Amino acid sequence: MNGPQPATGGEAVAYHVTIRYRPGPPGIRGTWADGGIAERKFTAFVGRYGTGADDVRIELLAEAAAGQLTVLRVWPPESTTGHRS
C-alpha cells in the first residue's frame, strides 16, 4: 500500500489534493498516484495556504478505479457540531 486508502474499500488509483477558496470551485488541484506523496502535499498545503485563512478548505481525496471519490482528510478540521473551532 502506498498511502491512505478509501474507507469504502477497493484500491485507490489516484489521490487528489484540492484547495478551495470559499465560495467557489477548487482553486488548486493536484493529482498523484502515490498516496504517501499526496499525504505530504496535503500537509505542505495546510502549512502554506491554510494558516490564518478562514476562507480556505484543503482536502485529500482518494479515487477508486470506478471513479468514486472518498475524502480522507480535510483542513480545517470540522467538529462534530459542524462548527470549526
C-alpha atoms as a PDB file:
ATOM      1  CA  MET A   1       0.000   0.000   0.000  1.00  0.00           C
ATOM      2  CA  ASN A   2       1.366   3.414  -0.999  1.00  0.00           C
ATOM      3  CA  GLY A   3      -0.649   5.557   1.412  1.00  0.00           C
ATOM      4  CA  PRO A   4      -4.135   6.070   2.761  1.00  0.00           C
ATOM      5  CA  GLN A   5      -6.928   4.029   1.210  1.00  0.00           C
ATOM      6  CA  PRO A   6     -10.594   4.860   0.663  1.00  0.00           C
ATOM      7  CA  ALA A   7     -12.837   3.835   3.554  1.00  0.00           C
ATOM      8  CA  THR A   8     -15.295   2.363   1.059  1.00  0.00           C
ATOM      9  CA  GLY A   9     -12.888  -0.426   0.176  1.00  0.00           C
ATOM     10  CA  GLY A  10     -11.092  -1.114  -3.042  1.00  0.00           C
ATOM     11  CA  GLU A  11      -7.706   0.144  -4.052  1.00  0.00           C
ATOM     12  CA  ALA A  12      -7.192   3.792  -4.778  1.00  0.00           C
ATOM     13  CA  VAL A  13      -5.910   4.532  -8.260  1.00  0.00           C
ATOM     14  CA  ALA A  14      -5.237   8.230  -7.679  1.00  0.00           C
ATOM     15  CA  TYR A  15      -5.055  10.771  -4.878  1.00  0.00           C
ATOM     16  CA  HIS A  16      -6.138  14.376  -5.198  1.00  0.00           C
ATOM     17  CA  VAL A  17      -5.398  17.385  -3.030  1.00  0.00           C
ATOM     18  CA  THR A  18      -7.671  20.367  -3.558  1.00  0.00           C
ATOM     19  CA  ILE A  19      -7.504  23.868  -2.176  1.00  0.00           C
ATOM     20  CA  ARG A  20     -10.833  25.645  -2.295  1.00  0.00           C
ATOM     21  CA  TYR A  21     -11.237  29.333  -1.582  1.00  0.00           C
ATOM     22  CA  ARG A  22     -14.792  29.688  -0.299  1.00  0.00           C
ATOM     23  CA  PRO A  23     -17.047  30.319  -2.011  1.00  0.00           C
ATOM     24  CA  GLY A  24     -16.091  28.884  -5.343  1.00  0.00           C
ATOM     25  CA  PRO A  25     -14.637  25.915  -7.175  1.00  0.00           C
ATOM     26  CA  PRO A  26     -11.253  24.433  -6.276  1.00  0.00           C
ATOM     27  CA  GLY A  27      -8.524  26.991  -6.806  1.00  0.00           C
ATOM     28  CA  ILE A  28      -5.683  24.465  -6.911  1.00  0.00           C
ATOM     29  CA  ARG A  29      -5.847  20.728  -7.568  1.00  0.00           C
ATOM     30  CA  GLY A  30      -3.030  18.233  -7.711  1.00  0.00           C
ATOM     31  CA  THR A  31      -3.195  14.523  -8.531  1.00  0.00           C
ATOM     32  CA  TRP A  32      -0.709  11.820  -7.565  1.00  0.00           C
ATOM     33  CA  ALA A  33      -0.604   8.045  -8.000  1.00  0.00           C
ATOM     34  CA  ASP A  34       1.282   7.614  -4.716  1.00  0.00           C
ATOM     35  CA  GLY A  35      -0.772   8.181  -1.564  1.00  0.00           C
ATOM     36  CA  GLY A  36       2.307   8.956   0.521  1.00  0.00           C
ATOM     37  CA  ILE A  37       3.261  11.819  -1.770  1.00  0.00           C
ATOM     38  CA  ALA A  38      -0.308  13.142  -1.757  1.00  0.00           C
ATOM     39  CA  GLU A  39      -0.350  12.991   2.065  1.00  0.00           C
ATOM     40  CA  ARG A  40       2.869  15.038   2.224  1.00  0.00           C
ATOM     41  CA  LYS A  41       1.471  17.564  -0.286  1.00  0.00           C
ATOM     42  CA  PHE A  42      -1.708  17.888   1.805  1.00  0.00           C
ATOM     43  CA  THR A  43       0.369  18.641   4.906  1.00  0.00           C
ATOM     44  CA  ALA A  44       2.545  21.126   3.000  1.00  0.00           C
ATOM     45  CA  PHE A  45      -0.510  22.879   1.534  1.00  0.00           C
ATOM     46  CA  VAL A  46      -2.045  23.225   5.003  1.00  0.00           C
ATOM     47  CA  GLY A  47       1.170  24.850   6.226  1.00  0.00           C
ATOM     48  CA  ARG A  48       1.449  27.144   3.231  1.00  0.00           C
ATOM     49  CA  TYR A  49      -2.138  28.113   2.374  1.00  0.00           C
ATOM     50  CA  GLY A  50      -4.183  27.230   5.430  1.00  0.00           C
ATOM     51  CA  THR A  51      -2.699  29.101   8.341  1.00  0.00           C
ATOM     52  CA  GLY A  52      -4.692  32.175   9.255  1.00  0.00           C
ATOM     53  CA  ALA A  53      -7.149  31.935   6.356  1.00  0.00           C
ATOM     54  CA  ASP A  54     -10.800  31.491   7.296  1.00  0.00           C
ATOM     55  CA  ASP A  55     -11.988  31.029   3.731  1.00  0.00           C
ATOM     56  CA  VAL A  56      -9.757  28.097   2.705  1.00  0.00           C
ATOM     57  CA  ARG A  57     -10.639  24.386   2.686  1.00  0.00           C
ATOM     58  CA  ILE A  58      -7.998  21.791   1.823  1.00  0.00           C
ATOM     59  CA  GLU A  59      -8.956  18.187   1.083  1.00  0.00           C
ATOM     60  CA  LEU A  60      -7.109  14.928   0.463  1.00  0.00           C
ATOM     61  CA  LEU A  61      -9.247  12.574  -1.623  1.00  0.00           C
ATOM     62  CA  ALA A  62      -8.763   9.006  -2.829  1.00  0.00           C
ATOM     63  CA  GLU A  63     -10.189   7.992  -6.185  1.00  0.00           C
ATOM     64  CA  ALA A  64     -11.224   4.360  -6.711  1.00  0.00           C
ATOM     65  CA  ALA A  65     -10.985   2.626 -10.086  1.00  0.00           C
ATOM     66  CA  ALA A  66     -14.715   3.178 -10.686  1.00  0.00           C
ATOM     67  CA  GLY A  67     -14.271   6.928 -10.155  1.00  0.00           C
ATOM     68  CA  GLN A  68     -15.720   7.293  -6.646  1.00  0.00           C
ATOM     69  CA  LEU A  69     -14.003   9.924  -4.515  1.00  0.00           C
ATOM     70  CA  THR A  70     -13.533   9.447  -0.769  1.00  0.00           C
ATOM     71  CA  VAL A  71     -12.447  12.337   1.447  1.00  0.00           C
ATOM     72  CA  LEU A  72      -9.537  11.089   3.565  1.00  0.00           C
ATOM     73  CA  ARG A  73      -8.505  14.308   5.317  1.00  0.00           C
ATOM     74  CA  VAL A  74      -9.805  17.848   5.459  1.00  0.00           C
ATOM     75  CA  TRP A  75      -8.485  21.122   6.818  1.00  0.00           C
ATOM     76  CA  PRO A  76      -9.622  22.942   8.812  1.00  0.00           C
ATOM     77  CA  PRO A  77     -10.943  20.055  10.868  1.00  0.00           C
ATOM     78  CA  GLU A  78     -14.665  20.123  11.393  1.00  0.00           C
ATOM     79  CA  SER A  79     -16.117  19.500  14.835  1.00  0.00           C
ATOM     80  CA  THR A  80     -18.967  17.067  15.421  1.00  0.00           C
ATOM     81  CA  THR A  81     -21.383  20.014  15.669  1.00  0.00           C
ATOM     82  CA  GLY A  82     -20.439  21.248  12.236  1.00  0.00           C
ATOM     83  CA  HIS A  83     -18.695  24.378  13.519  1.00  0.00           C
ATOM     84  CA  ARG A  84     -14.973  24.970  13.270  1.00  0.00           C
ATOM     85  CA  SER A  85     -13.067  25.673  16.426  1.00  0.00           C
END
